[in-house]
Amino acid sequence: MSASRLSSWQPTVLSVFRILVGFTFSAHGAQKIFGLLGGHTAAPFTLPWVAGCLEAIGGPLIFFGLFTRPVAFILSGEMAVGYFKQHAPSSFWPIINHGEMAVLYCFVFLYLWSAGPGPWSLDSLIRKKG
């Protein structure tokens, strides 16, 4: 397949990527806030609880592509803070300190902030009507 034919798929793949990220990220919020999916409920108004709220609200917003850029920016920051508070103190290396997911989500959200939601999103639908 030529590069130009592949690049025509880019907007669709971006939307699918965003949907997958929003779906998987929502599960982290469900663990912290509701104790679902093998998680433990975080005590209210603690840092894990605040993170859970951001994940439980931000994940679905990313999934549906609503307010994608600002939400992705906030979630990227959340993941950076989470990495440096929770993982980095035990080791420099994410593979050793078990912070790979925080690093990956941080940069995935940074990418979504810069790339936008893609065409299959509420942001795109709202933009077309406006």
N, C-alpha and C. Protein backbone atom coordinates (compact mmCIF):
# COMPACT_ATOMS: atom_id res chain seq x y z
N MET A 1 0.85 -1.17 0.00
CA MET A 1 0.00 0.00 0.00
C MET A 1 0.90 1.23 0.00
N SER A 2 0.56 2.21 -0.80
CA SER A 2 1.37 3.42 -0.89
C SER A 2 1.16 4.31 0.33
N ALA A 3 2.12 5.19 0.54
CA ALA A 3 2.06 6.09 1.70
C ALA A 3 0.83 6.98 1.62
N SER A 4 0.46 7.44 0.44
CA SER A 4 -0.70 8.32 0.32
C SER A 4 -2.00 7.58 0.64
N ARG A 5 -2.08 6.30 0.25
CA ARG A 5 -3.28 5.52 0.58
C ARG A 5 -3.34 5.24 2.08
N LEU A 6 -2.18 5.00 2.69
CA LEU A 6 -2.15 4.79 4.14
C LEU A 6 -2.53 6.07 4.88
N SER A 7 -2.04 7.20 4.42
CA SER A 7 -2.33 8.45 5.13
C SER A 7 -3.81 8.81 5.06
N SER A 8 -4.53 8.30 4.07
CA SER A 8 -5.96 8.57 4.00
C SER A 8 -6.71 7.90 5.16
N TRP A 9 -6.13 6.89 5.76
CA TRP A 9 -6.71 6.19 6.91
C TRP A 9 -6.43 6.90 8.23
N GLN A 10 -5.50 7.85 8.23
CA GLN A 10 -5.05 8.48 9.48
C GLN A 10 -6.20 9.05 10.33
N PRO A 11 -7.13 9.83 9.78
CA PRO A 11 -8.20 10.36 10.64
C PRO A 11 -9.05 9.27 11.29
N THR A 12 -9.35 8.22 10.54
CA THR A 12 -10.16 7.13 11.09
C THR A 12 -9.41 6.40 12.18
N VAL A 13 -8.14 6.11 11.94
CA VAL A 13 -7.33 5.41 12.94
C VAL A 13 -7.17 6.27 14.19
N LEU A 14 -7.04 7.58 14.03
CA LEU A 14 -6.96 8.48 15.18
C LEU A 14 -8.23 8.37 16.03
N SER A 15 -9.39 8.34 15.40
CA SER A 15 -10.64 8.20 16.14
C SER A 15 -10.71 6.86 16.87
N VAL A 16 -10.34 5.78 16.20
CA VAL A 16 -10.36 4.46 16.83
C VAL A 16 -9.38 4.42 18.01
N PHE A 17 -8.20 5.00 17.83
CA PHE A 17 -7.19 5.09 18.88
C PHE A 17 -7.75 5.84 20.09
N ARG A 18 -8.37 7.00 19.84
CA ARG A 18 -8.93 7.81 20.92
C ARG A 18 -10.02 7.04 21.67
N ILE A 19 -10.88 6.34 20.96
CA ILE A 19 -11.95 5.56 21.58
C ILE A 19 -11.37 4.46 22.47
N LEU A 20 -10.39 3.75 21.97
CA LEU A 20 -9.74 2.69 22.74
C LEU A 20 -9.08 3.24 24.00
N VAL A 21 -8.38 4.35 23.87
CA VAL A 21 -7.71 4.98 25.02
C VAL A 21 -8.74 5.42 26.05
N GLY A 22 -9.81 6.07 25.62
CA GLY A 22 -10.85 6.51 26.56
C GLY A 22 -11.49 5.35 27.29
N PHE A 23 -11.75 4.27 26.56
CA PHE A 23 -12.37 3.08 27.17
C PHE A 23 -11.45 2.46 28.22
N THR A 24 -10.18 2.23 27.86
CA THR A 24 -9.27 1.58 28.81
C THR A 24 -8.95 2.49 30.00
N PHE A 25 -8.85 3.79 29.76
CA PHE A 25 -8.53 4.71 30.84
C PHE A 25 -9.68 4.81 31.84
N SER A 26 -10.91 4.72 31.35
CA SER A 26 -12.08 4.78 32.23
C SER A 26 -12.04 3.69 33.28
N ALA A 27 -11.50 2.54 32.93
CA ALA A 27 -11.43 1.41 33.87
C ALA A 27 -10.59 1.77 35.10
N HIS A 28 -9.57 2.59 34.93
CA HIS A 28 -8.74 3.00 36.07
C HIS A 28 -9.56 3.85 37.05
N GLY A 29 -10.41 4.72 36.52
CA GLY A 29 -11.28 5.51 37.38
C GLY A 29 -12.31 4.64 38.09
N ALA A 30 -12.85 3.65 37.37
CA ALA A 30 -13.82 2.73 37.97
C ALA A 30 -13.20 1.95 39.12
N GLN A 31 -11.92 1.62 39.00
CA GLN A 31 -11.23 0.92 40.10
C GLN A 31 -11.12 1.81 41.33
N LYS A 32 -10.69 3.05 41.13
CA LYS A 32 -10.41 3.93 42.27
C LYS A 32 -11.66 4.50 42.93
N ILE A 33 -12.67 4.80 42.12
CA ILE A 33 -13.86 5.45 42.66
C ILE A 33 -14.91 4.44 43.13
N PHE A 34 -15.09 3.37 42.35
CA PHE A 34 -16.16 2.42 42.65
C PHE A 34 -15.66 1.06 43.13
N GLY A 35 -14.34 0.84 43.15
CA GLY A 35 -13.80 -0.44 43.57
C GLY A 35 -14.08 -1.57 42.59
N LEU A 36 -14.41 -1.24 41.36
CA LEU A 36 -14.73 -2.25 40.34
C LEU A 36 -13.47 -2.80 39.70
N LEU A 37 -13.63 -3.87 38.95
CA LEU A 37 -12.57 -4.44 38.11
C LEU A 37 -11.31 -4.76 38.91
N GLY A 38 -11.49 -5.29 40.09
CA GLY A 38 -10.36 -5.69 40.93
C GLY A 38 -9.70 -4.55 41.67
N GLY A 39 -10.32 -3.38 41.68
CA GLY A 39 -9.73 -2.22 42.34
C GLY A 39 -10.18 -2.09 43.78
N HIS A 40 -9.66 -1.08 44.42
CA HIS A 40 -10.02 -0.74 45.79
C HIS A 40 -10.46 0.71 45.81
N THR A 41 -11.55 0.98 46.46
CA THR A 41 -12.09 2.34 46.53
C THR A 41 -11.13 3.24 47.30
N ALA A 42 -10.77 4.36 46.69
CA ALA A 42 -9.88 5.32 47.34
C ALA A 42 -10.68 6.15 48.34
N ALA A 43 -10.03 6.52 49.43
CA ALA A 43 -10.68 7.37 50.44
C ALA A 43 -10.99 8.73 49.81
N PRO A 44 -12.19 9.27 50.06
CA PRO A 44 -12.57 10.55 49.47
C PRO A 44 -11.58 11.67 49.79
N PHE A 45 -11.37 12.50 48.80
CA PHE A 45 -10.55 13.71 48.88
C PHE A 45 -9.06 13.44 49.11
N THR A 46 -8.63 12.22 48.85
CA THR A 46 -7.20 11.92 48.84
C THR A 46 -6.70 12.06 47.40
N LEU A 47 -5.38 12.04 47.21
CA LEU A 47 -4.83 12.15 45.87
C LEU A 47 -5.29 11.01 44.95
N PRO A 48 -5.31 9.75 45.41
CA PRO A 48 -5.84 8.68 44.54
C PRO A 48 -7.32 8.88 44.18
N TRP A 49 -8.09 9.43 45.08
CA TRP A 49 -9.49 9.70 44.81
C TRP A 49 -9.64 10.79 43.75
N VAL A 50 -8.85 11.85 43.86
CA VAL A 50 -8.88 12.92 42.85
C VAL A 50 -8.46 12.36 41.49
N ALA A 51 -7.42 11.53 41.48
CA ALA A 51 -6.99 10.89 40.24
C ALA A 51 -8.11 10.03 39.68
N GLY A 52 -8.78 9.28 40.54
CA GLY A 52 -9.90 8.45 40.10
C GLY A 52 -11.03 9.26 39.51
N CYS A 53 -11.32 10.41 40.10
CA CYS A 53 -12.36 11.29 39.56
C CYS A 53 -11.97 11.79 38.17
N LEU A 54 -10.72 12.22 38.02
CA LEU A 54 -10.24 12.66 36.71
C LEU A 54 -10.35 11.54 35.69
N GLU A 55 -10.01 10.33 36.09
CA GLU A 55 -10.06 9.17 35.19
C GLU A 55 -11.49 8.77 34.87
N ALA A 56 -12.36 8.77 35.89
CA ALA A 56 -13.74 8.36 35.69
C ALA A 56 -14.53 9.36 34.85
N ILE A 57 -14.16 10.62 34.90
CA ILE A 57 -14.82 11.64 34.09
C ILE A 57 -14.08 11.84 32.77
N GLY A 58 -12.76 11.93 32.84
CA GLY A 58 -11.96 12.19 31.64
C GLY A 58 -11.97 11.05 30.65
N GLY A 59 -11.97 9.80 31.14
CA GLY A 59 -11.98 8.65 30.24
C GLY A 59 -13.18 8.65 29.29
N PRO A 60 -14.40 8.77 29.82
CA PRO A 60 -15.56 8.84 28.93
C PRO A 60 -15.56 10.06 28.01
N LEU A 61 -15.08 11.20 28.50
CA LEU A 61 -15.00 12.38 27.63
C LEU A 61 -14.05 12.12 26.46
N ILE A 62 -12.92 11.48 26.73
CA ILE A 62 -11.99 11.10 25.65
C ILE A 62 -12.67 10.08 24.74
N PHE A 63 -13.33 9.08 25.31
CA PHE A 63 -14.02 8.05 24.54
C PHE A 63 -14.99 8.68 23.53
N PHE A 64 -15.81 9.61 23.99
CA PHE A 64 -16.81 10.24 23.12
C PHE A 64 -16.24 11.40 22.30
N GLY A 65 -15.01 11.80 22.60
CA GLY A 65 -14.40 12.90 21.86
C GLY A 65 -15.05 14.23 22.16
N LEU A 66 -15.34 14.47 23.42
CA LEU A 66 -15.95 15.73 23.85
C LEU A 66 -14.94 16.50 24.70
N PHE A 67 -14.66 17.73 24.29
CA PHE A 67 -13.64 18.57 24.94
C PHE A 67 -12.29 17.85 24.92
N THR A 68 -12.00 17.18 23.84
CA THR A 68 -10.85 16.29 23.76
C THR A 68 -9.54 16.97 24.09
N ARG A 69 -9.26 18.09 23.48
CA ARG A 69 -7.94 18.73 23.69
C ARG A 69 -7.73 19.18 25.14
N PRO A 70 -8.64 19.94 25.74
CA PRO A 70 -8.39 20.34 27.14
C PRO A 70 -8.37 19.15 28.09
N VAL A 71 -9.26 18.18 27.88
CA VAL A 71 -9.29 17.01 28.76
C VAL A 71 -7.99 16.21 28.62
N ALA A 72 -7.53 16.01 27.39
CA ALA A 72 -6.28 15.27 27.17
C ALA A 72 -5.11 15.98 27.83
N PHE A 73 -5.10 17.30 27.78
CA PHE A 73 -4.01 18.07 28.41
C PHE A 73 -4.02 17.86 29.92
N ILE A 74 -5.19 17.93 30.52
CA ILE A 74 -5.32 17.73 31.98
C ILE A 74 -4.91 16.30 32.35
N LEU A 75 -5.37 15.31 31.58
CA LEU A 75 -5.04 13.92 31.90
C LEU A 75 -3.56 13.62 31.69
N SER A 76 -2.94 14.28 30.72
CA SER A 76 -1.49 14.13 30.54
C SER A 76 -0.76 14.63 31.79
N GLY A 77 -1.20 15.76 32.30
CA GLY A 77 -0.62 16.28 33.54
C GLY A 77 -0.86 15.38 34.72
N GLU A 78 -2.07 14.82 34.80
CA GLU A 78 -2.37 13.89 35.89
C GLU A 78 -1.41 12.70 35.86
N MET A 79 -1.18 12.17 34.68
CA MET A 79 -0.29 11.00 34.55
C MET A 79 1.16 11.36 34.87
N ALA A 80 1.58 12.56 34.51
CA ALA A 80 2.94 13.00 34.85
C ALA A 80 3.09 13.11 36.37
N VAL A 81 2.11 13.74 37.02
CA VAL A 81 2.14 13.87 38.48
C VAL A 81 2.11 12.48 39.12
N GLY A 82 1.23 11.63 38.63
CA GLY A 82 1.14 10.27 39.17
C GLY A 82 2.46 9.52 39.04
N TYR A 83 3.11 9.67 37.90
CA TYR A 83 4.38 8.98 37.70
C TYR A 83 5.43 9.48 38.69
N PHE A 84 5.58 10.79 38.78
CA PHE A 84 6.64 11.33 39.62
C PHE A 84 6.35 11.19 41.12
N LYS A 85 5.08 11.18 41.51
CA LYS A 85 4.76 10.98 42.93
C LYS A 85 4.78 9.52 43.34
N GLN A 86 4.27 8.65 42.47
CA GLN A 86 4.05 7.26 42.84
C GLN A 86 5.16 6.31 42.40
N HIS A 87 5.73 6.55 41.24
CA HIS A 87 6.65 5.57 40.66
C HIS A 87 8.12 5.99 40.70
N ALA A 88 8.41 7.19 40.26
CA ALA A 88 9.80 7.64 40.12
C ALA A 88 10.62 7.58 41.41
N PRO A 89 10.04 7.82 42.59
CA PRO A 89 10.86 7.76 43.79
C PRO A 89 11.54 6.41 44.03
N SER A 90 10.96 5.32 43.52
CA SER A 90 11.57 4.02 43.79
C SER A 90 12.65 3.63 42.79
N SER A 91 12.64 4.23 41.60
CA SER A 91 13.67 3.93 40.60
C SER A 91 13.52 4.90 39.43
N PHE A 92 14.61 5.16 38.74
CA PHE A 92 14.58 6.01 37.55
C PHE A 92 13.87 5.30 36.39
N TRP A 93 13.99 3.98 36.30
CA TRP A 93 13.52 3.20 35.16
C TRP A 93 12.06 2.79 35.31
N PRO A 94 11.19 3.19 34.36
CA PRO A 94 9.77 2.81 34.44
C PRO A 94 9.54 1.30 34.49
N ILE A 95 10.38 0.52 33.85
CA ILE A 95 10.20 -0.93 33.87
C ILE A 95 10.45 -1.50 35.27
N ILE A 96 11.29 -0.84 36.03
CA ILE A 96 11.58 -1.28 37.39
C ILE A 96 10.56 -0.72 38.38
N ASN A 97 10.17 0.55 38.21
CA ASN A 97 9.25 1.17 39.17
C ASN A 97 7.77 0.96 38.82
N HIS A 98 7.50 0.17 37.79
CA HIS A 98 6.14 -0.17 37.35
C HIS A 98 5.34 1.05 36.91
N GLY A 99 6.03 2.02 36.34
CA GLY A 99 5.36 3.24 35.89
C GLY A 99 5.16 3.33 34.39
N GLU A 100 5.33 2.20 33.68
CA GLU A 100 5.22 2.25 32.21
C GLU A 100 3.87 2.78 31.76
N MET A 101 2.79 2.33 32.40
CA MET A 101 1.46 2.76 31.98
C MET A 101 1.27 4.26 32.19
N ALA A 102 1.77 4.78 33.30
CA ALA A 102 1.65 6.21 33.55
C ALA A 102 2.41 7.01 32.49
N VAL A 103 3.61 6.55 32.14
CA VAL A 103 4.40 7.24 31.12
C VAL A 103 3.69 7.17 29.77
N LEU A 104 3.23 5.98 29.41
CA LEU A 104 2.54 5.82 28.12
C LEU A 104 1.28 6.67 28.06
N TYR A 105 0.44 6.60 29.08
CA TYR A 105 -0.78 7.42 29.07
C TYR A 105 -0.43 8.90 29.03
N CYS A 106 0.59 9.33 29.74
CA CYS A 106 0.99 10.73 29.72
C CYS A 106 1.26 11.19 28.29
N PHE A 107 2.02 10.40 27.55
CA PHE A 107 2.37 10.81 26.19
C PHE A 107 1.26 10.53 25.19
N VAL A 108 0.42 9.55 25.44
CA VAL A 108 -0.76 9.33 24.59
C VAL A 108 -1.68 10.54 24.70
N PHE A 109 -1.91 11.01 25.91
CA PHE A 109 -2.78 12.18 26.09
C PHE A 109 -2.13 13.45 25.53
N LEU A 110 -0.84 13.56 25.63
CA LEU A 110 -0.15 14.69 25.02
C LEU A 110 -0.32 14.66 23.50
N TYR A 111 -0.25 13.45 22.92
CA TYR A 111 -0.49 13.30 21.49
C TYR A 111 -1.93 13.69 21.13
N LEU A 112 -2.92 13.21 21.90
CA LEU A 112 -4.31 13.56 21.61
C LEU A 112 -4.55 15.05 21.75
N TRP A 113 -3.87 15.68 22.69
CA TRP A 113 -3.97 17.14 22.84
C TRP A 113 -3.50 17.82 21.56
N SER A 114 -2.43 17.34 20.97
CA SER A 114 -1.90 17.99 19.76
C SER A 114 -2.64 17.56 18.49
N ALA A 115 -3.08 16.29 18.42
CA ALA A 115 -3.70 15.78 17.19
C ALA A 115 -5.20 16.04 17.12
N GLY A 116 -5.83 16.18 18.26
CA GLY A 116 -7.28 16.35 18.27
C GLY A 116 -8.00 15.01 18.31
N PRO A 117 -9.33 15.05 18.21
CA PRO A 117 -10.13 13.85 18.44
C PRO A 117 -10.31 12.95 17.22
N GLY A 118 -10.09 13.46 16.03
CA GLY A 118 -10.42 12.70 14.83
C GLY A 118 -11.87 12.95 14.44
N PRO A 119 -12.28 12.42 13.29
CA PRO A 119 -13.61 12.73 12.76
C PRO A 119 -14.78 12.07 13.51
N TRP A 120 -14.55 10.92 14.13
CA TRP A 120 -15.63 10.24 14.86
C TRP A 120 -15.66 10.75 16.29
N SER A 121 -16.15 11.96 16.50
CA SER A 121 -16.13 12.55 17.84
C SER A 121 -17.27 13.55 17.97
N LEU A 122 -17.68 13.77 19.20
CA LEU A 122 -18.68 14.81 19.45
C LEU A 122 -18.11 16.18 19.15
N ASP A 123 -16.83 16.38 19.41
CA ASP A 123 -16.18 17.66 19.07
C ASP A 123 -16.34 17.97 17.57
N SER A 124 -16.12 16.96 16.74
CA SER A 124 -16.24 17.13 15.30
C SER A 124 -17.68 17.40 14.90
N LEU A 125 -18.62 16.69 15.52
CA LEU A 125 -20.03 16.89 15.24
C LEU A 125 -20.48 18.30 15.62
N ILE A 126 -20.04 18.76 16.78
CA ILE A 126 -20.39 20.11 17.25
C ILE A 126 -19.80 21.17 16.32
N ARG A 127 -18.55 20.95 15.91
CA ARG A 127 -17.87 21.90 15.02
C ARG A 127 -18.62 22.01 13.69
N LYS A 128 -19.14 20.89 13.16
CA LYS A 128 -19.87 20.91 11.88
C LYS A 128 -21.18 21.66 11.99
N LYS A 129 -21.85 21.57 13.14
CA LYS A 129 -23.14 22.24 13.31
C LYS A 129 -22.98 23.72 13.60
N GLY A 130 -21.81 24.11 14.12
CA GLY A 130 -21.60 25.49 14.54
C GLY A 130 -21.22 26.41 13.47
